[in-house]
Amino acid sequence: MPASMPPNQCESMSLLAVFTTTGSRAEAERLATALVEGHLVACAQISEIESRYEWQGALQLEREWRLLLKTTAARYAAVEAAIRALHSYELPAIYALPVAQADAAYAAWVEKSCQPRDG
């Protein structure tokens, strides 16, 4: 750990913040539950948002629900596959940002929570 970094922080390039959106709160809750129960993500946060985008040549203004999913780089492919399998959108937004720094204890909890379980 670099000397300039506080002892309770770590560089954590293995942690990811994954984002997706849904058209209903019920779908967001269903996805969040499936991903957490499947140990693909440690935590799923749901926020109501307003989205403007062009789709099939027309400007869209939609109320959506954004999921912020905390996971590891090793689990990203499985997270993406699960979202695609469970999502109602033809083209769901699925993207991830690396977590550059995180509290060491929190990072360890995310890592542990995303480990596949036996059985």
N, C-alpha and C. Protein backbone atom coordinates (compact mmCIF):
# COMPACT_ATOMS: atom_id res chain seq x y z
N MET A 1 0.85 -1.17 0.00
CA MET A 1 0.00 0.00 0.00
C MET A 1 0.90 1.23 0.00
N PRO A 2 0.64 2.20 -0.87
CA PRO A 2 1.47 3.40 -0.89
C PRO A 2 1.44 4.13 0.44
N ALA A 3 2.54 4.75 0.80
CA ALA A 3 2.64 5.45 2.08
C ALA A 3 1.64 6.59 2.18
N SER A 4 1.27 7.19 1.05
CA SER A 4 0.35 8.34 1.08
C SER A 4 -1.11 7.92 1.28
N MET A 5 -1.41 6.66 1.18
CA MET A 5 -2.78 6.19 1.31
C MET A 5 -3.08 5.84 2.77
N PRO A 6 -4.20 6.32 3.30
CA PRO A 6 -4.55 5.97 4.68
C PRO A 6 -4.60 4.45 4.86
N PRO A 7 -4.31 3.96 6.08
CA PRO A 7 -4.24 2.51 6.29
C PRO A 7 -5.56 1.78 6.09
N ASN A 8 -6.69 2.47 6.14
CA ASN A 8 -7.97 1.79 5.96
C ASN A 8 -8.43 1.79 4.51
N GLN A 9 -7.58 2.23 3.57
CA GLN A 9 -7.93 2.23 2.16
C GLN A 9 -7.00 1.31 1.40
N CYS A 10 -7.51 0.80 0.28
CA CYS A 10 -6.66 -0.02 -0.58
C CYS A 10 -6.95 0.35 -2.03
N GLU A 11 -5.96 0.17 -2.87
CA GLU A 11 -6.21 0.27 -4.30
C GLU A 11 -6.92 -1.01 -4.68
N SER A 12 -8.06 -0.89 -5.31
CA SER A 12 -8.87 -2.07 -5.54
C SER A 12 -9.36 -2.12 -6.98
N MET A 13 -8.46 -2.43 -7.87
CA MET A 13 -8.84 -2.50 -9.28
C MET A 13 -9.71 -3.71 -9.57
N SER A 14 -9.83 -4.64 -8.63
CA SER A 14 -10.67 -5.80 -8.89
C SER A 14 -12.15 -5.52 -8.60
N LEU A 15 -12.46 -4.41 -7.92
CA LEU A 15 -13.85 -4.08 -7.66
C LEU A 15 -14.42 -3.27 -8.82
N LEU A 16 -15.69 -3.54 -9.14
CA LEU A 16 -16.39 -2.83 -10.19
C LEU A 16 -17.70 -2.28 -9.67
N ALA A 17 -18.10 -1.14 -10.22
CA ALA A 17 -19.45 -0.62 -10.06
C ALA A 17 -20.13 -0.83 -11.41
N VAL A 18 -21.12 -1.72 -11.44
CA VAL A 18 -21.83 -2.05 -12.68
C VAL A 18 -23.17 -1.32 -12.67
N PHE A 19 -23.55 -0.77 -13.81
CA PHE A 19 -24.79 -0.03 -13.94
C PHE A 19 -25.70 -0.66 -14.99
N THR A 20 -26.98 -0.63 -14.72
CA THR A 20 -28.00 -0.96 -15.71
C THR A 20 -29.25 -0.18 -15.35
N THR A 21 -30.21 -0.11 -16.25
CA THR A 21 -31.47 0.56 -15.98
C THR A 21 -32.62 -0.37 -16.37
N THR A 22 -33.76 -0.14 -15.72
CA THR A 22 -34.97 -0.91 -16.05
C THR A 22 -36.14 0.05 -16.21
N GLY A 23 -37.21 -0.44 -16.79
CA GLY A 23 -38.39 0.38 -17.02
C GLY A 23 -39.39 0.36 -15.88
N SER A 24 -39.16 -0.47 -14.88
CA SER A 24 -40.07 -0.51 -13.73
C SER A 24 -39.31 -0.82 -12.46
N ARG A 25 -39.86 -0.37 -11.36
CA ARG A 25 -39.25 -0.66 -10.06
C ARG A 25 -39.29 -2.16 -9.79
N ALA A 26 -40.39 -2.81 -10.17
CA ALA A 26 -40.52 -4.25 -9.94
C ALA A 26 -39.43 -5.02 -10.67
N GLU A 27 -39.12 -4.63 -11.89
CA GLU A 27 -38.05 -5.31 -12.63
C GLU A 27 -36.69 -5.04 -11.97
N ALA A 28 -36.47 -3.80 -11.53
CA ALA A 28 -35.22 -3.48 -10.84
C ALA A 28 -35.06 -4.32 -9.58
N GLU A 29 -36.13 -4.46 -8.82
CA GLU A 29 -36.08 -5.26 -7.59
C GLU A 29 -35.84 -6.73 -7.91
N ARG A 30 -36.47 -7.23 -8.97
CA ARG A 30 -36.27 -8.63 -9.37
C ARG A 30 -34.83 -8.89 -9.78
N LEU A 31 -34.26 -8.00 -10.59
CA LEU A 31 -32.86 -8.14 -11.00
C LEU A 31 -31.93 -8.05 -9.79
N ALA A 32 -32.15 -7.06 -8.94
CA ALA A 32 -31.29 -6.87 -7.77
C ALA A 32 -31.31 -8.11 -6.88
N THR A 33 -32.48 -8.64 -6.62
CA THR A 33 -32.61 -9.82 -5.77
C THR A 33 -31.90 -11.02 -6.38
N ALA A 34 -32.10 -11.25 -7.67
CA ALA A 34 -31.48 -12.39 -8.34
C ALA A 34 -29.96 -12.29 -8.31
N LEU A 35 -29.43 -11.11 -8.53
CA LEU A 35 -27.98 -10.93 -8.57
C LEU A 35 -27.34 -11.07 -7.19
N VAL A 36 -28.00 -10.54 -6.16
CA VAL A 36 -27.46 -10.68 -4.80
C VAL A 36 -27.60 -12.12 -4.33
N GLU A 37 -28.78 -12.73 -4.53
CA GLU A 37 -28.98 -14.11 -4.09
C GLU A 37 -28.07 -15.08 -4.84
N GLY A 38 -27.72 -14.75 -6.08
CA GLY A 38 -26.82 -15.58 -6.87
C GLY A 38 -25.35 -15.33 -6.56
N HIS A 39 -25.07 -14.45 -5.62
CA HIS A 39 -23.70 -14.10 -5.22
C HIS A 39 -22.87 -13.56 -6.38
N LEU A 40 -23.58 -12.91 -7.31
CA LEU A 40 -22.89 -12.25 -8.42
C LEU A 40 -22.50 -10.83 -8.05
N VAL A 41 -23.27 -10.22 -7.16
CA VAL A 41 -22.97 -8.88 -6.66
C VAL A 41 -23.12 -8.89 -5.15
N ALA A 42 -22.37 -8.01 -4.49
CA ALA A 42 -22.46 -7.90 -3.04
C ALA A 42 -23.64 -7.04 -2.63
N CYS A 43 -23.96 -6.06 -3.46
CA CYS A 43 -24.99 -5.09 -3.12
C CYS A 43 -25.58 -4.53 -4.40
N ALA A 44 -26.87 -4.24 -4.35
CA ALA A 44 -27.55 -3.61 -5.48
C ALA A 44 -28.34 -2.42 -4.95
N GLN A 45 -28.08 -1.25 -5.47
CA GLN A 45 -28.82 -0.06 -5.08
C GLN A 45 -29.72 0.36 -6.23
N ILE A 46 -30.94 0.77 -5.90
CA ILE A 46 -31.94 1.15 -6.89
C ILE A 46 -32.29 2.62 -6.71
N SER A 47 -32.22 3.39 -7.80
CA SER A 47 -32.57 4.81 -7.78
C SER A 47 -33.51 5.11 -8.94
N GLU A 48 -34.51 5.93 -8.68
CA GLU A 48 -35.39 6.38 -9.75
C GLU A 48 -34.70 7.52 -10.49
N ILE A 49 -34.74 7.47 -11.82
CA ILE A 49 -34.09 8.49 -12.65
C ILE A 49 -35.01 8.86 -13.81
N GLU A 50 -34.64 9.90 -14.53
CA GLU A 50 -35.31 10.29 -15.77
C GLU A 50 -34.28 10.19 -16.89
N SER A 51 -34.63 9.49 -17.96
CA SER A 51 -33.69 9.29 -19.07
C SER A 51 -34.23 9.91 -20.34
N ARG A 52 -33.34 10.57 -21.07
CA ARG A 52 -33.64 11.08 -22.41
C ARG A 52 -32.65 10.43 -23.36
N TYR A 53 -33.17 9.86 -24.43
CA TYR A 53 -32.31 9.18 -25.40
C TYR A 53 -33.08 9.03 -26.70
N GLU A 54 -32.32 8.80 -27.77
CA GLU A 54 -32.95 8.55 -29.06
C GLU A 54 -33.01 7.04 -29.27
N TRP A 55 -34.17 6.55 -29.64
CA TRP A 55 -34.35 5.12 -29.91
C TRP A 55 -35.22 4.98 -31.13
N GLN A 56 -34.72 4.27 -32.13
CA GLN A 56 -35.43 4.01 -33.38
C GLN A 56 -35.93 5.31 -34.00
N GLY A 57 -35.04 6.33 -33.98
CA GLY A 57 -35.30 7.60 -34.64
C GLY A 57 -36.17 8.58 -33.89
N ALA A 58 -36.59 8.27 -32.68
CA ALA A 58 -37.45 9.17 -31.93
C ALA A 58 -36.84 9.47 -30.57
N LEU A 59 -36.99 10.74 -30.14
CA LEU A 59 -36.51 11.12 -28.82
C LEU A 59 -37.43 10.52 -27.76
N GLN A 60 -36.84 9.89 -26.78
CA GLN A 60 -37.59 9.25 -25.70
C GLN A 60 -37.33 10.01 -24.40
N LEU A 61 -38.35 10.13 -23.59
CA LEU A 61 -38.24 10.66 -22.24
C LEU A 61 -38.94 9.64 -21.35
N GLU A 62 -38.17 8.96 -20.53
CA GLU A 62 -38.71 7.84 -19.75
C GLU A 62 -38.29 7.93 -18.29
N ARG A 63 -39.19 7.51 -17.43
CA ARG A 63 -38.83 7.28 -16.03
C ARG A 63 -38.25 5.87 -15.99
N GLU A 64 -37.07 5.75 -15.39
CA GLU A 64 -36.40 4.46 -15.29
C GLU A 64 -35.87 4.29 -13.87
N TRP A 65 -35.39 3.09 -13.61
CA TRP A 65 -34.76 2.77 -12.34
C TRP A 65 -33.36 2.28 -12.64
N ARG A 66 -32.37 2.96 -12.02
CA ARG A 66 -30.96 2.62 -12.23
C ARG A 66 -30.51 1.68 -11.12
N LEU A 67 -29.83 0.63 -11.50
CA LEU A 67 -29.22 -0.26 -10.54
C LEU A 67 -27.73 0.01 -10.53
N LEU A 68 -27.19 0.23 -9.34
CA LEU A 68 -25.75 0.32 -9.12
C LEU A 68 -25.38 -0.95 -8.39
N LEU A 69 -24.57 -1.77 -9.03
CA LEU A 69 -24.23 -3.11 -8.55
C LEU A 69 -22.76 -3.16 -8.18
N LYS A 70 -22.47 -3.61 -6.96
CA LYS A 70 -21.09 -3.71 -6.50
C LYS A 70 -20.63 -5.15 -6.64
N THR A 71 -19.56 -5.35 -7.43
CA THR A 71 -19.08 -6.70 -7.72
C THR A 71 -17.58 -6.68 -7.95
N THR A 72 -17.07 -7.79 -8.45
CA THR A 72 -15.64 -7.91 -8.76
C THR A 72 -15.45 -8.09 -10.26
N ALA A 73 -14.26 -7.77 -10.72
CA ALA A 73 -13.96 -7.95 -12.14
C ALA A 73 -14.11 -9.41 -12.55
N ALA A 74 -13.78 -10.32 -11.66
CA ALA A 74 -13.89 -11.75 -11.97
C ALA A 74 -15.34 -12.17 -12.19
N ARG A 75 -16.30 -11.46 -11.62
CA ARG A 75 -17.72 -11.83 -11.75
C ARG A 75 -18.44 -11.04 -12.84
N TYR A 76 -17.74 -10.09 -13.50
CA TYR A 76 -18.43 -9.23 -14.47
C TYR A 76 -19.14 -10.01 -15.57
N ALA A 77 -18.48 -10.96 -16.19
CA ALA A 77 -19.10 -11.70 -17.30
C ALA A 77 -20.38 -12.39 -16.85
N ALA A 78 -20.37 -12.96 -15.65
CA ALA A 78 -21.56 -13.63 -15.13
C ALA A 78 -22.66 -12.63 -14.80
N VAL A 79 -22.29 -11.46 -14.28
CA VAL A 79 -23.26 -10.41 -14.00
C VAL A 79 -23.92 -9.96 -15.30
N GLU A 80 -23.10 -9.69 -16.31
CA GLU A 80 -23.63 -9.25 -17.61
C GLU A 80 -24.56 -10.30 -18.20
N ALA A 81 -24.16 -11.56 -18.16
CA ALA A 81 -25.00 -12.64 -18.70
C ALA A 81 -26.33 -12.74 -17.96
N ALA A 82 -26.29 -12.61 -16.64
CA ALA A 82 -27.52 -12.69 -15.85
C ALA A 82 -28.45 -11.52 -16.16
N ILE A 83 -27.89 -10.31 -16.28
CA ILE A 83 -28.72 -9.15 -16.62
C ILE A 83 -29.37 -9.37 -17.98
N ARG A 84 -28.59 -9.80 -18.98
CA ARG A 84 -29.16 -10.04 -20.32
C ARG A 84 -30.27 -11.09 -20.27
N ALA A 85 -30.08 -12.13 -19.50
CA ALA A 85 -31.07 -13.22 -19.43
C ALA A 85 -32.35 -12.77 -18.74
N LEU A 86 -32.25 -11.87 -17.78
CA LEU A 86 -33.41 -11.49 -16.97
C LEU A 86 -34.07 -10.19 -17.41
N HIS A 87 -33.41 -9.42 -18.25
CA HIS A 87 -33.85 -8.05 -18.59
C HIS A 87 -34.93 -8.06 -19.67
N SER A 88 -35.85 -7.12 -19.56
CA SER A 88 -36.93 -7.01 -20.55
C SER A 88 -36.57 -6.14 -21.75
N TYR A 89 -35.54 -5.30 -21.63
CA TYR A 89 -35.18 -4.41 -22.74
C TYR A 89 -34.54 -5.19 -23.87
N GLU A 90 -34.79 -4.72 -25.09
CA GLU A 90 -34.13 -5.28 -26.27
C GLU A 90 -32.62 -5.04 -26.20
N LEU A 91 -32.24 -3.86 -25.74
CA LEU A 91 -30.83 -3.48 -25.63
C LEU A 91 -30.60 -2.81 -24.27
N PRO A 92 -30.42 -3.59 -23.22
CA PRO A 92 -30.20 -2.97 -21.91
C PRO A 92 -28.83 -2.31 -21.82
N ALA A 93 -28.77 -1.20 -21.11
CA ALA A 93 -27.48 -0.58 -20.80
C ALA A 93 -26.82 -1.44 -19.74
N ILE A 94 -25.63 -1.90 -20.02
CA ILE A 94 -24.84 -2.66 -19.04
C ILE A 94 -23.41 -2.16 -19.20
N TYR A 95 -22.89 -1.51 -18.16
CA TYR A 95 -21.51 -1.04 -18.23
C TYR A 95 -20.94 -0.99 -16.82
N ALA A 96 -19.62 -1.00 -16.75
CA ALA A 96 -18.94 -1.05 -15.46
C ALA A 96 -17.84 -0.01 -15.40
N LEU A 97 -17.63 0.49 -14.20
CA LEU A 97 -16.52 1.39 -13.92
C LEU A 97 -15.65 0.74 -12.84
N PRO A 98 -14.33 0.79 -13.01
CA PRO A 98 -13.46 0.23 -11.97
C PRO A 98 -13.47 1.11 -10.73
N VAL A 99 -13.37 0.49 -9.59
CA VAL A 99 -13.25 1.21 -8.32
C VAL A 99 -11.75 1.37 -8.07
N ALA A 100 -11.27 2.60 -8.14
CA ALA A 100 -9.84 2.85 -8.01
C ALA A 100 -9.37 2.70 -6.58
N GLN A 101 -10.18 3.13 -5.62
CA GLN A 101 -9.82 3.02 -4.21
C GLN A 101 -11.08 2.68 -3.43
N ALA A 102 -10.91 1.90 -2.38
CA ALA A 102 -12.02 1.55 -1.51
C ALA A 102 -11.49 1.27 -0.12
N ASP A 103 -12.35 1.43 0.86
CA ASP A 103 -12.01 1.03 2.21
C ASP A 103 -11.65 -0.45 2.18
N ALA A 104 -10.56 -0.82 2.80
CA ALA A 104 -10.06 -2.20 2.73
C ALA A 104 -11.06 -3.22 3.26
N ALA A 105 -11.71 -2.89 4.36
CA ALA A 105 -12.69 -3.83 4.93
C ALA A 105 -13.90 -3.97 4.01
N TYR A 106 -14.34 -2.86 3.42
CA TYR A 106 -15.46 -2.91 2.47
C TYR A 106 -15.09 -3.73 1.24
N ALA A 107 -13.92 -3.50 0.70
CA ALA A 107 -13.47 -4.25 -0.47
C ALA A 107 -13.42 -5.74 -0.18
N ALA A 108 -12.94 -6.10 1.01
CA ALA A 108 -12.90 -7.52 1.39
C ALA A 108 -14.29 -8.11 1.49
N TRP A 109 -15.25 -7.33 2.00
CA TRP A 109 -16.64 -7.80 2.09
C TRP A 109 -17.23 -8.04 0.70
N VAL A 110 -16.98 -7.11 -0.23
CA VAL A 110 -17.47 -7.29 -1.60
C VAL A 110 -16.87 -8.56 -2.20
N GLU A 111 -15.56 -8.71 -2.07
CA GLU A 111 -14.88 -9.89 -2.61
C GLU A 111 -15.49 -11.18 -2.03
N LYS A 112 -15.67 -11.21 -0.72
CA LYS A 112 -16.23 -12.40 -0.07
C LYS A 112 -17.67 -12.65 -0.50
N SER A 113 -18.46 -11.59 -0.60
CA SER A 113 -19.88 -11.72 -0.96
C SER A 113 -20.09 -12.23 -2.38
N CYS A 114 -19.10 -11.99 -3.25
CA CYS A 114 -19.24 -12.38 -4.65
C CYS A 114 -18.61 -13.73 -4.96
N GLN A 115 -18.17 -14.44 -3.95
CA GLN A 115 -17.60 -15.77 -4.17
C GLN A 115 -18.70 -16.77 -4.45
N PRO A 116 -18.53 -17.63 -5.45
CA PRO A 116 -19.53 -18.68 -5.70
C PRO A 116 -19.67 -19.57 -4.47
N ARG A 117 -20.87 -20.01 -4.20
CA ARG A 117 -21.13 -20.88 -3.06
C ARG A 117 -21.23 -22.31 -3.52
N ASP A 118 -20.79 -23.23 -2.68
CA ASP A 118 -20.94 -24.66 -2.98
C ASP A 118 -22.40 -25.05 -2.75
N GLY A 119 -22.88 -25.93 -3.62
CA GLY A 119 -24.24 -26.45 -3.43
C GLY A 119 -25.20 -25.72 -4.16
